[in-house]
């Protein structure tokens, strides 16, 4: 949830700062300044998709088997017999051990 909140704050703050100083910037600075809110919007979208995937995870029991069911980033429903959260954590830059480190 932290990356989503941070990316929203980044986008809003960079937009406000750029909007108040846009006239005083050179053409190169203007082009560069537009990238900050665009990066923020990309980060919001990515964070939202990851948060939605994690919140959609549910556990189903069928004939004695445990299934993990979730909505993937592309919108398709996926299911697995093992918990996918370790793979998700390692996809986002961690090492999959939950401590956030790379070693």
PDB file of N, CA and C in Angstrom:
ATOM      1  N   UNK A   1       0.813  -1.195   0.000  1.00  0.00           N
ATOM      2  CA  UNK A   1       0.000   0.000   0.000  1.00  0.00           C
ATOM      3  C   UNK A   1       0.862   1.267   0.000  1.00  0.00           C
ATOM      4  N   UNK A   2       2.061   1.175   0.617  1.00  0.00           N
ATOM      5  CA  UNK A   2       2.941   2.340   0.657  1.00  0.00           C
ATOM      6  C   UNK A   2       3.332   2.823  -0.738  1.00  0.00           C
ATOM      7  N   UNK A   3       3.713   1.920  -1.680  1.00  0.00           N
ATOM      8  CA  UNK A   3       4.079   2.426  -3.011  1.00  0.00           C
ATOM      9  C   UNK A   3       2.933   3.161  -3.702  1.00  0.00           C
ATOM     10  N   UNK A   4       1.697   2.709  -3.501  1.00  0.00           N
ATOM     11  CA  UNK A   4       0.554   3.376  -4.113  1.00  0.00           C
ATOM     12  C   UNK A   4       0.375   4.779  -3.554  1.00  0.00           C
ATOM     13  N   UNK A   5       0.434   4.915  -2.254  1.00  0.00           N
ATOM     14  CA  UNK A   5       0.276   6.227  -1.619  1.00  0.00           C
ATOM     15  C   UNK A   5       1.420   7.161  -2.019  1.00  0.00           C
ATOM     16  N   UNK A   6       2.647   6.634  -2.016  1.00  0.00           N
ATOM     17  CA  UNK A   6       3.800   7.454  -2.400  1.00  0.00           C
ATOM     18  C   UNK A   6       3.685   7.929  -3.844  1.00  0.00           C
ATOM     19  N   UNK A   7       3.280   7.048  -4.744  1.00  0.00           N
ATOM     20  CA  UNK A   7       3.194   7.445  -6.154  1.00  0.00           C
ATOM     21  C   UNK A   7       2.086   8.468  -6.384  1.00  0.00           C
ATOM     22  N   UNK A   8       1.006   8.381  -5.635  1.00  0.00           N
ATOM     23  CA  UNK A   8      -0.054   9.393  -5.747  1.00  0.00           C
ATOM     24  C   UNK A   8       0.464  10.746  -5.248  1.00  0.00           C
ATOM     25  N   UNK A   9       1.136  10.736  -4.104  1.00  0.00           N
ATOM     26  CA  UNK A   9       1.694  11.989  -3.570  1.00  0.00           C
ATOM     27  C   UNK A   9       2.751  12.568  -4.511  1.00  0.00           C
ATOM     28  N   UNK A  10       3.597  11.715  -5.092  1.00  0.00           N
ATOM     29  CA  UNK A  10       4.617  12.156  -6.054  1.00  0.00           C
ATOM     30  C   UNK A  10       3.966  12.866  -7.236  1.00  0.00           C
ATOM     31  N   UNK A  11       2.913  12.250  -7.776  1.00  0.00           N
ATOM     32  CA  UNK A  11       2.245  12.803  -8.955  1.00  0.00           C
ATOM     33  C   UNK A  11       1.606  14.154  -8.645  1.00  0.00           C
ATOM     34  N   UNK A  12       0.899  14.230  -7.529  1.00  0.00           N
ATOM     35  CA  UNK A  12       0.227  15.472  -7.158  1.00  0.00           C
ATOM     36  C   UNK A  12       1.247  16.574  -6.868  1.00  0.00           C
ATOM     37  N   UNK A  13       2.264  16.252  -6.079  1.00  0.00           N
ATOM     38  CA  UNK A  13       3.256  17.268  -5.713  1.00  0.00           C
ATOM     39  C   UNK A  13       4.029  17.759  -6.932  1.00  0.00           C
ATOM     40  N   UNK A  14       4.450  16.841  -7.792  1.00  0.00           N
ATOM     41  CA  UNK A  14       5.212  17.280  -8.971  1.00  0.00           C
ATOM     42  C   UNK A  14       4.351  18.094  -9.918  1.00  0.00           C
ATOM     43  N   UNK A  15       3.072  17.756 -10.021  1.00  0.00           N
ATOM     44  CA  UNK A  15       2.173  18.532 -10.880  1.00  0.00           C
ATOM     45  C   UNK A  15       1.981  19.948 -10.333  1.00  0.00           C
ATOM     46  N   UNK A  16       1.803  20.066  -9.039  1.00  0.00           N
ATOM     47  CA  UNK A  16       1.615  21.383  -8.422  1.00  0.00           C
ATOM     48  C   UNK A  16       2.878  22.232  -8.566  1.00  0.00           C
ATOM     49  N   UNK A  17       4.030  21.631  -8.311  1.00  0.00           N
ATOM     50  CA  UNK A  17       5.285  22.382  -8.411  1.00  0.00           C
ATOM     51  C   UNK A  17       5.529  22.848  -9.841  1.00  0.00           C
ATOM     52  N   UNK A  18       5.275  21.973 -10.796  1.00  0.00           N
ATOM     53  CA  UNK A  18       5.486  22.333 -12.200  1.00  0.00           C
ATOM     54  C   UNK A  18       4.476  23.381 -12.659  1.00  0.00           C
ATOM     55  N   UNK A  19       3.233  23.250 -12.232  1.00  0.00           N
ATOM     56  CA  UNK A  19       2.200  24.198 -12.646  1.00  0.00           C
ATOM     57  C   UNK A  19       2.483  25.604 -12.128  1.00  0.00           C
ATOM     58  N   UNK A  20       3.079  25.704 -10.952  1.00  0.00           N
ATOM     59  CA  UNK A  20       3.346  27.032 -10.401  1.00  0.00           C
ATOM     60  C   UNK A  20       4.583  27.678 -11.004  1.00  0.00           C
ATOM     61  N   UNK A  21       5.504  26.884 -11.561  1.00  0.00           N
ATOM     62  CA  UNK A  21       6.750  27.444 -12.098  1.00  0.00           C
ATOM     63  C   UNK A  21       6.906  27.224 -13.600  1.00  0.00           C
ATOM     64  N   UNK A  22       5.888  26.805 -14.296  1.00  0.00           N
ATOM     65  CA  UNK A  22       6.019  26.404 -15.690  1.00  0.00           C
ATOM     66  C   UNK A  22       6.475  27.544 -16.595  1.00  0.00           C
ATOM     67  N   UNK A  23       6.001  28.751 -16.370  1.00  0.00           N
ATOM     68  CA  UNK A  23       6.349  29.899 -17.223  1.00  0.00           C
ATOM     69  C   UNK A  23       7.817  30.286 -17.091  1.00  0.00           C
ATOM     70  N   UNK A  24       8.403  30.055 -15.929  1.00  0.00           N
ATOM     71  CA  UNK A  24       9.793  30.448 -15.709  1.00  0.00           C
ATOM     72  C   UNK A  24      10.805  29.429 -16.189  1.00  0.00           C
ATOM     73  N   UNK A  25      10.354  28.315 -16.730  1.00  0.00           N
ATOM     74  CA  UNK A  25      11.275  27.262 -17.153  1.00  0.00           C
ATOM     75  C   UNK A  25      11.675  27.424 -18.620  1.00  0.00           C
ATOM     76  N   UNK A  26      12.877  26.994 -18.923  1.00  0.00           N
ATOM     77  CA  UNK A  26      13.325  26.987 -20.321  1.00  0.00           C
ATOM     78  C   UNK A  26      12.635  25.821 -21.042  1.00  0.00           C
ATOM     79  N   UNK A  27      12.653  25.810 -22.369  1.00  0.00           N
ATOM     80  CA  UNK A  27      12.003  24.714 -23.099  1.00  0.00           C
ATOM     81  C   UNK A  27      12.528  23.324 -22.719  1.00  0.00           C
ATOM     82  N   UNK A  28      13.832  23.211 -22.507  1.00  0.00           N
ATOM     83  CA  UNK A  28      14.394  21.923 -22.088  1.00  0.00           C
ATOM     84  C   UNK A  28      13.876  21.521 -20.706  1.00  0.00           C
ATOM     85  N   UNK A  29      13.844  22.479 -19.776  1.00  0.00           N
ATOM     86  CA  UNK A  29      13.348  22.207 -18.432  1.00  0.00           C
ATOM     87  C   UNK A  29      11.874  21.845 -18.449  1.00  0.00           C
ATOM     88  N   UNK A  30      11.099  22.478 -19.336  1.00  0.00           N
ATOM     89  CA  UNK A  30       9.683  22.142 -19.460  1.00  0.00           C
ATOM     90  C   UNK A  30       9.498  20.704 -19.921  1.00  0.00           C
ATOM     91  N   UNK A  31      10.272  20.319 -20.937  1.00  0.00           N
ATOM     92  CA  UNK A  31      10.170  18.947 -21.439  1.00  0.00           C
ATOM     93  C   UNK A  31      10.570  17.945 -20.360  1.00  0.00           C
ATOM     94  N   UNK A  32      11.603  18.266 -19.621  1.00  0.00           N
ATOM     95  CA  UNK A  32      12.052  17.398 -18.544  1.00  0.00           C
ATOM     96  C   UNK A  32      11.037  17.365 -17.401  1.00  0.00           C
ATOM     97  N   UNK A  33      10.443  18.517 -17.105  1.00  0.00           N
ATOM     98  CA  UNK A  33       9.490  18.611 -16.000  1.00  0.00           C
ATOM     99  C   UNK A  33       8.223  17.802 -16.263  1.00  0.00           C
ATOM    100  N   UNK A  34       7.837  17.650 -17.507  1.00  0.00           N
ATOM    101  CA  UNK A  34       6.638  16.876 -17.841  1.00  0.00           C
ATOM    102  C   UNK A  34       6.839  15.401 -17.511  1.00  0.00           C
ATOM    103  N   UNK A  35       8.083  14.941 -17.515  1.00  0.00           N
ATOM    104  CA  UNK A  35       8.354  13.532 -17.227  1.00  0.00           C
ATOM    105  C   UNK A  35       8.049  13.154 -15.779  1.00  0.00           C
ATOM    106  N   UNK A  36       8.163  14.071 -14.846  1.00  0.00           N
ATOM    107  CA  UNK A  36       7.923  13.760 -13.443  1.00  0.00           C
ATOM    108  C   UNK A  36       6.480  13.316 -13.184  1.00  0.00           C
ATOM    109  N   UNK A  37       5.470  14.062 -13.607  1.00  0.00           N
ATOM    110  CA  UNK A  37       4.100  13.573 -13.402  1.00  0.00           C
ATOM    111  C   UNK A  37       3.801  12.316 -14.226  1.00  0.00           C
ATOM    112  N   UNK A  38       4.397  12.194 -15.418  1.00  0.00           N
ATOM    113  CA  UNK A  38       4.171  10.993 -16.212  1.00  0.00           C
ATOM    114  C   UNK A  38       4.730   9.759 -15.509  1.00  0.00           C
ATOM    115  N   UNK A  39       5.918   9.895 -14.920  1.00  0.00           N
ATOM    116  CA  UNK A  39       6.474   8.807 -14.141  1.00  0.00           C
ATOM    117  C   UNK A  39       5.567   8.485 -12.962  1.00  0.00           C
ATOM    118  N   UNK A  40       5.039   9.514 -12.319  1.00  0.00           N
ATOM    119  CA  UNK A  40       4.128   9.304 -11.193  1.00  0.00           C
ATOM    120  C   UNK A  40       2.874   8.557 -11.615  1.00  0.00           C
ATOM    121  N   UNK A  41       2.314   8.916 -12.771  1.00  0.00           N
ATOM    122  CA  UNK A  41       1.123   8.214 -13.255  1.00  0.00           C
ATOM    123  C   UNK A  41       1.425   6.750 -13.565  1.00  0.00           C
ATOM    124  N   UNK A  42       2.591   6.490 -14.142  1.00  0.00           N
ATOM    125  CA  UNK A  42       2.992   5.112 -14.398  1.00  0.00           C
ATOM    126  C   UNK A  42       3.138   4.339 -13.090  1.00  0.00           C
ATOM    127  N   UNK A  43       3.742   4.966 -12.091  1.00  0.00           N
ATOM    128  CA  UNK A  43       3.915   4.311 -10.792  1.00  0.00           C
ATOM    129  C   UNK A  43       2.572   4.064 -10.108  1.00  0.00           C
ATOM    130  N   UNK A  44       1.624   4.993 -10.245  1.00  0.00           N
ATOM    131  CA  UNK A  44       0.290   4.796  -9.679  1.00  0.00           C
ATOM    132  C   UNK A  44      -0.373   3.584 -10.320  1.00  0.00           C
ATOM    133  N   UNK A  45      -0.313   3.501 -11.632  1.00  0.00           N
ATOM    134  CA  UNK A  45      -0.949   2.383 -12.339  1.00  0.00           C
ATOM    135  C   UNK A  45      -0.315   1.050 -11.946  1.00  0.00           C
ATOM    136  N   UNK A  46       0.999   0.991 -11.914  1.00  0.00           N
ATOM    137  CA  UNK A  46       1.697  -0.244 -11.553  1.00  0.00           C
ATOM    138  C   UNK A  46       1.397  -0.643 -10.110  1.00  0.00           C
ATOM    139  N   UNK A  47       1.440   0.315  -9.198  1.00  0.00           N
ATOM    140  CA  UNK A  47       1.155   0.027  -7.789  1.00  0.00           C
ATOM    141  C   UNK A  47      -0.277  -0.433  -7.612  1.00  0.00           C
ATOM    142  N   UNK A  48      -1.202   0.200  -8.324  1.00  0.00           N
ATOM    143  CA  UNK A  48      -2.612  -0.182  -8.236  1.00  0.00           C
ATOM    144  C   UNK A  48      -2.820  -1.621  -8.712  1.00  0.00           C
ATOM    145  N   UNK A  49      -2.198  -1.991  -9.823  1.00  0.00           N
ATOM    146  CA  UNK A  49      -2.346  -3.361 -10.332  1.00  0.00           C
ATOM    147  C   UNK A  49      -1.784  -4.388  -9.364  1.00  0.00           C
ATOM    148  N   UNK A  50      -0.637  -4.099  -8.775  1.00  0.00           N
ATOM    149  CA  UNK A  50      -0.054  -5.034  -7.807  1.00  0.00           C
ATOM    150  C   UNK A  50      -0.911  -5.125  -6.549  1.00  0.00           C
ATOM    151  N   UNK A  51      -1.430  -4.008  -6.080  1.00  0.00           N
ATOM    152  CA  UNK A  51      -2.295  -4.025  -4.901  1.00  0.00           C
ATOM    153  C   UNK A  51      -3.578  -4.798  -5.193  1.00  0.00           C
ATOM    154  N   UNK A  52      -4.150  -4.591  -6.385  1.00  0.00           N
ATOM    155  CA  UNK A  52      -5.381  -5.295  -6.753  1.00  0.00           C
ATOM    156  C   UNK A  52      -5.144  -6.805  -6.843  1.00  0.00           C
ATOM    157  N   UNK A  53      -4.014  -7.209  -7.391  1.00  0.00           N
ATOM    158  CA  UNK A  53      -3.697  -8.638  -7.487  1.00  0.00           C
ATOM    159  C   UNK A  53      -3.580  -9.246  -6.098  1.00  0.00           C
ATOM    160  N   UNK A  54      -2.865  -8.569  -5.203  1.00  0.00           N
ATOM    161  CA  UNK A  54      -2.684  -9.109  -3.853  1.00  0.00           C
ATOM    162  C   UNK A  54      -4.006  -9.157  -3.091  1.00  0.00           C
ATOM    163  N   UNK A  55      -4.862  -8.171  -3.268  1.00  0.00           N
ATOM    164  CA  UNK A  55      -6.127  -8.150  -2.534  1.00  0.00           C
ATOM    165  C   UNK A  55      -7.147  -9.130  -3.111  1.00  0.00           C
ATOM    166  N   UNK A  56      -6.949  -9.573  -4.357  1.00  0.00           N
ATOM    167  CA  UNK A  56      -7.899 -10.517  -4.946  1.00  0.00           C
ATOM    168  C   UNK A  56      -7.603 -11.962  -4.576  1.00  0.00           C
ATOM    169  N   UNK A  57      -6.490 -12.230  -3.927  1.00  0.00           N
ATOM    170  CA  UNK A  57      -6.108 -13.600  -3.581  1.00  0.00           C
ATOM    171  C   UNK A  57      -7.100 -14.199  -2.589  1.00  0.00           C
ATOM    172  N   UNK A  58      -7.568 -15.381  -2.912  1.00  0.00           N
ATOM    173  CA  UNK A  58      -8.458 -16.109  -2.007  1.00  0.00           C
ATOM    174  C   UNK A  58      -8.068 -17.582  -2.042  1.00  0.00           C
ATOM    175  N   UNK A  59      -8.442 -18.298  -0.998  1.00  0.00           N
ATOM    176  CA  UNK A  59      -8.120 -19.724  -0.890  1.00  0.00           C
ATOM    177  C   UNK A  59      -9.406 -20.513  -1.012  1.00  0.00           C
ATOM    178  N   UNK A  60      -9.401 -21.512  -1.910  1.00  0.00           N
ATOM    179  CA  UNK A  60     -10.563 -22.368  -2.110  1.00  0.00           C
ATOM    180  C   UNK A  60     -10.192 -23.807  -1.774  1.00  0.00           C
ATOM    181  N   UNK A  61     -11.147 -24.527  -1.217  1.00  0.00           N
ATOM    182  CA  UNK A  61     -10.972 -25.948  -0.920  1.00  0.00           C
ATOM    183  C   UNK A  61     -11.868 -26.733  -1.870  1.00  0.00           C
ATOM    184  N   UNK A  62     -11.264 -27.649  -2.652  1.00  0.00           N
ATOM    185  CA  UNK A  62     -12.010 -28.519  -3.562  1.00  0.00           C
ATOM    186  C   UNK A  62     -11.551 -29.959  -3.378  1.00  0.00           C
ATOM    187  N   UNK A  63     -12.424 -30.813  -2.926  1.00  0.00           N
ATOM    188  CA  UNK A  63     -12.129 -32.246  -2.771  1.00  0.00           C
ATOM    189  C   UNK A  63     -10.835 -32.488  -2.006  1.00  0.00           C
ATOM    190  N   UNK A  64     -10.627 -31.775  -0.946  1.00  0.00           N
ATOM    191  CA  UNK A  64      -9.451 -31.953  -0.107  1.00  0.00           C
ATOM    192  C   UNK A  64      -8.209 -31.226  -0.596  1.00  0.00           C
ATOM    193  N   UNK A  65      -8.258 -30.590  -1.742  1.00  0.00           N
ATOM    194  CA  UNK A  65      -7.114 -29.841  -2.272  1.00  0.00           C
ATOM    195  C   UNK A  65      -7.303 -28.353  -1.996  1.00  0.00           C
ATOM    196  N   UNK A  66      -6.221 -27.701  -1.685  1.00  0.00           N
ATOM    197  CA  UNK A  66      -6.246 -26.261  -1.441  1.00  0.00           C
ATOM    198  C   UNK A  66      -5.761 -25.543  -2.698  1.00  0.00           C
ATOM    199  N   UNK A  67      -6.570 -24.597  -3.173  1.00  0.00           N
ATOM    200  CA  UNK A  67      -6.247 -23.818  -4.361  1.00  0.00           C
ATOM    201  C   UNK A  67      -6.149 -22.342  -3.990  1.00  0.00           C
ATOM    202  N   UNK A  68      -5.127 -21.693  -4.505  1.00  0.00           N
ATOM    203  CA  UNK A  68      -4.991 -20.245  -4.377  1.00  0.00           C
ATOM    204  C   UNK A  68      -5.480 -19.647  -5.692  1.00  0.00           C
ATOM    205  N   UNK A  69      -6.457 -18.760  -5.606  1.00  0.00           N
ATOM    206  CA  UNK A  69      -7.075 -18.163  -6.789  1.00  0.00           C
ATOM    207  C   UNK A  69      -6.932 -16.644  -6.685  1.00  0.00           C
ATOM    208  N   UNK A  70      -6.536 -16.012  -7.804  1.00  0.00           N
ATOM    209  CA  UNK A  70      -6.358 -14.565  -7.817  1.00  0.00           C
ATOM    210  C   UNK A  70      -6.556 -14.028  -9.224  1.00  0.00           C
ATOM    211  N   UNK A  71      -6.700 -12.715  -9.322  1.00  0.00           N
ATOM    212  CA  UNK A  71      -6.786 -12.023 -10.607  1.00  0.00           C
ATOM    213  C   UNK A  71      -5.388 -11.502 -10.930  1.00  0.00           C
ATOM    214  N   UNK A  72      -4.835 -11.933 -12.060  1.00  0.00           N
ATOM    215  CA  UNK A  72      -3.479 -11.550 -12.462  1.00  0.00           C
ATOM    216  C   UNK A  72      -3.466 -10.103 -12.968  1.00  0.00           C
ATOM    217  N   UNK A  73      -2.273  -9.561 -13.192  1.00  0.00           N
ATOM    218  CA  UNK A  73      -2.120  -8.176 -13.632  1.00  0.00           C
ATOM    219  C   UNK A  73      -2.818  -7.902 -14.950  1.00  0.00           C
ATOM    220  N   UNK A  74      -2.902  -8.907 -15.822  1.00  0.00           N
ATOM    221  CA  UNK A  74      -3.563  -8.724 -17.116  1.00  0.00           C
ATOM    222  C   UNK A  74      -5.071  -8.915 -17.048  1.00  0.00           C
ATOM    223  N   UNK A  75      -5.618  -9.208 -15.869  1.00  0.00           N
ATOM    224  CA  UNK A  75      -7.063  -9.346 -15.685  1.00  0.00           C
ATOM    225  C   UNK A  75      -7.573 -10.773 -15.737  1.00  0.00           C
ATOM    226  N   UNK A  76      -6.705 -11.724 -16.051  1.00  0.00           N
ATOM    227  CA  UNK A  76      -7.141 -13.119 -16.121  1.00  0.00           C
ATOM    228  C   UNK A  76      -7.116 -13.755 -14.729  1.00  0.00           C
ATOM    229  N   UNK A  77      -7.980 -14.732 -14.545  1.00  0.00           N
ATOM    230  CA  UNK A  77      -8.018 -15.441 -13.264  1.00  0.00           C
ATOM    231  C   UNK A  77      -6.995 -16.568 -13.299  1.00  0.00           C
ATOM    232  N   UNK A  78      -6.201 -16.666 -12.245  1.00  0.00           N
ATOM    233  CA  UNK A  78      -5.187 -17.708 -12.142  1.00  0.00           C
ATOM    234  C   UNK A  78      -5.432 -18.515 -10.886  1.00  0.00           C
ATOM    235  N   UNK A  79      -4.967 -19.766 -10.920  1.00  0.00           N
ATOM    236  CA  UNK A  79      -5.052 -20.614  -9.745  1.00  0.00           C
ATOM    237  C   UNK A  79      -3.798 -21.453  -9.639  1.00  0.00           C
ATOM    238  N   UNK A  80      -3.434 -21.770  -8.409  1.00  0.00           N
ATOM    239  CA  UNK A  80      -2.230 -22.535  -8.154  1.00  0.00           C
ATOM    240  C   UNK A  80      -2.428 -23.350  -6.880  1.00  0.00           C
ATOM    241  N   UNK A  81      -1.650 -24.416  -6.745  1.00  0.00           N
ATOM    242  CA  UNK A  81      -1.710 -25.222  -5.530  1.00  0.00           C
ATOM    243  C   UNK A  81      -0.736 -24.713  -4.477  1.00  0.00           C
ATOM    244  N   UNK A  82       0.128 -23.779  -4.828  1.00  0.00           N
ATOM    245  CA  UNK A  82       1.036 -23.196  -3.839  1.00  0.00           C
ATOM    246  C   UNK A  82       0.816 -21.692  -3.755  1.00  0.00           C
ATOM    247  N   UNK A  83       1.179 -21.139  -2.630  1.00  0.00           N
ATOM    248  CA  UNK A  83       0.967 -19.721  -2.353  1.00  0.00           C
ATOM    249  C   UNK A  83       1.831 -18.863  -3.278  1.00  0.00           C
ATOM    250  N   UNK A  84       1.229 -17.982  -4.087  1.00  0.00           N
ATOM    251  CA  UNK A  84       2.002 -17.181  -5.049  1.00  0.00           C
ATOM    252  C   UNK A  84       2.654 -15.939  -4.448  1.00  0.00           C
ATOM    253  N   UNK A  85       2.385 -15.628  -3.193  1.00  0.00           N
ATOM    254  CA  UNK A  85       2.889 -14.375  -2.620  1.00  0.00           C
ATOM    255  C   UNK A  85       4.406 -14.318  -2.565  1.00  0.00           C
ATOM    256  N   UNK A  86       5.070 -15.472  -2.385  1.00  0.00           N
ATOM    257  CA  UNK A  86       6.535 -15.451  -2.379  1.00  0.00           C
ATOM    258  C   UNK A  86       7.073 -15.029  -3.735  1.00  0.00           C
ATOM    259  N   UNK A  87       6.458 -15.519  -4.814  1.00  0.00           N
ATOM    260  CA  UNK A  87       6.877 -15.107  -6.160  1.00  0.00           C
ATOM    261  C   UNK A  87       6.588 -13.625  -6.394  1.00  0.00           C
ATOM    262  N   UNK A  88       5.458 -13.154  -5.900  1.00  0.00           N
ATOM    263  CA  UNK A  88       5.112 -11.742  -6.075  1.00  0.00           C
ATOM    264  C   UNK A  88       6.112 -10.858  -5.347  1.00  0.00           C
ATOM    265  N   UNK A  89       6.500 -11.257  -4.141  1.00  0.00           N
ATOM    266  CA  UNK A  89       7.460 -10.464  -3.385  1.00  0.00           C
ATOM    267  C   UNK A  89       8.802 -10.415  -4.091  1.00  0.00           C
ATOM    268  N   UNK A  90       9.213 -11.523  -4.680  1.00  0.00           N
ATOM    269  CA  UNK A  90      10.493 -11.525  -5.384  1.00  0.00           C
ATOM    270  C   UNK A  90      10.404 -10.741  -6.688  1.00  0.00           C
ATOM    271  N   UNK A  91       9.211 -10.646  -7.305  1.00  0.00           N
ATOM    272  CA  UNK A  91       9.032  -9.853  -8.522  1.00  0.00           C
ATOM    273  C   UNK A  91       9.202  -8.368  -8.261  1.00  0.00           C
ATOM    274  N   UNK A  92       8.884  -7.923  -7.055  1.00  0.00           N
ATOM    275  CA  UNK A  92       8.906  -6.489  -6.770  1.00  0.00           C
ATOM    276  C   UNK A  92      10.237  -6.016  -6.193  1.00  0.00           C
ATOM    277  N   UNK A  93      11.299  -6.804  -6.394  1.00  0.00           N
ATOM    278  CA  UNK A  93      12.611  -6.326  -5.985  1.00  0.00           C
ATOM    279  C   UNK A  93      13.154  -6.968  -4.726  1.00  0.00           C
ATOM    280  N   UNK A  94      12.346  -7.708  -3.990  1.00  0.00           N
ATOM    281  CA  UNK A  94      12.841  -8.399  -2.821  1.00  0.00           C
ATOM    282  C   UNK A  94      13.451  -9.723  -3.214  1.00  0.00           C
ATOM    283  N   UNK A  95      13.910 -10.474  -2.218  1.00  0.00           N
ATOM    284  CA  UNK A  95      14.499 -11.766  -2.518  1.00  0.00           C
ATOM    285  C   UNK A  95      13.530 -12.905  -2.251  1.00  0.00           C
ATOM    286  N   UNK A  96      12.270 -12.586  -1.946  1.00  0.00           N
ATOM    287  CA  UNK A  96      11.270 -13.604  -1.708  1.00  0.00           C
ATOM    288  C   UNK A  96      11.214 -14.081  -0.282  1.00  0.00           C
ATOM    289  N   UNK A  97      12.138 -13.627   0.564  1.00  0.00           N
ATOM    290  CA  UNK A  97      12.151 -14.073   1.947  1.00  0.00           C
ATOM    291  C   UNK A  97      11.347 -13.147   2.849  1.00  0.00           C
ATOM    292  N   UNK A  98      10.795 -12.089   2.296  1.00  0.00           N
ATOM    293  CA  UNK A  98       9.955 -11.200   3.079  1.00  0.00           C
ATOM    294  C   UNK A  98      10.708 -10.109   3.811  1.00  0.00           C
ATOM    295  N   UNK A  99      12.068 -10.153   3.784  1.00  0.00           N
ATOM    296  CA  UNK A  99      12.799  -9.123   4.503  1.00  0.00           C
ATOM    297  C   UNK A  99      13.149  -7.921   3.640  1.00  0.00           C
ATOM    298  N   UNK A 100      12.876  -8.016   2.328  1.00  0.00           N
ATOM    299  CA  UNK A 100      13.099  -6.895   1.431  1.00  0.00           C
ATOM    300  C   UNK A 100      14.519  -6.742   0.963  1.00  0.00           C
ATOM    301  N   UNK A 101      15.435  -7.585   1.463  1.00  0.00           N
ATOM    302  CA  UNK A 101      16.827  -7.501   1.065  1.00  0.00           C
ATOM    303  C   UNK A 101      17.126  -8.322  -0.164  1.00  0.00           C
ATOM    304  N   UNK A 102      18.279  -8.126  -0.726  1.00  0.00           N
ATOM    305  CA  UNK A 102      18.654  -8.843  -1.928  1.00  0.00           C
ATOM    306  C   UNK A 102      19.595 -10.003  -1.673  1.00  0.00           C
ATOM    307  N   UNK A 103      20.018 -10.220  -0.421  1.00  0.00           N
ATOM    308  CA  UNK A 103      20.978 -11.287  -0.114  1.00  0.00           C
ATOM    309  C   UNK A 103      20.301 -12.478   0.510  1.00  0.00           C
TER     310      UNK A 103
END
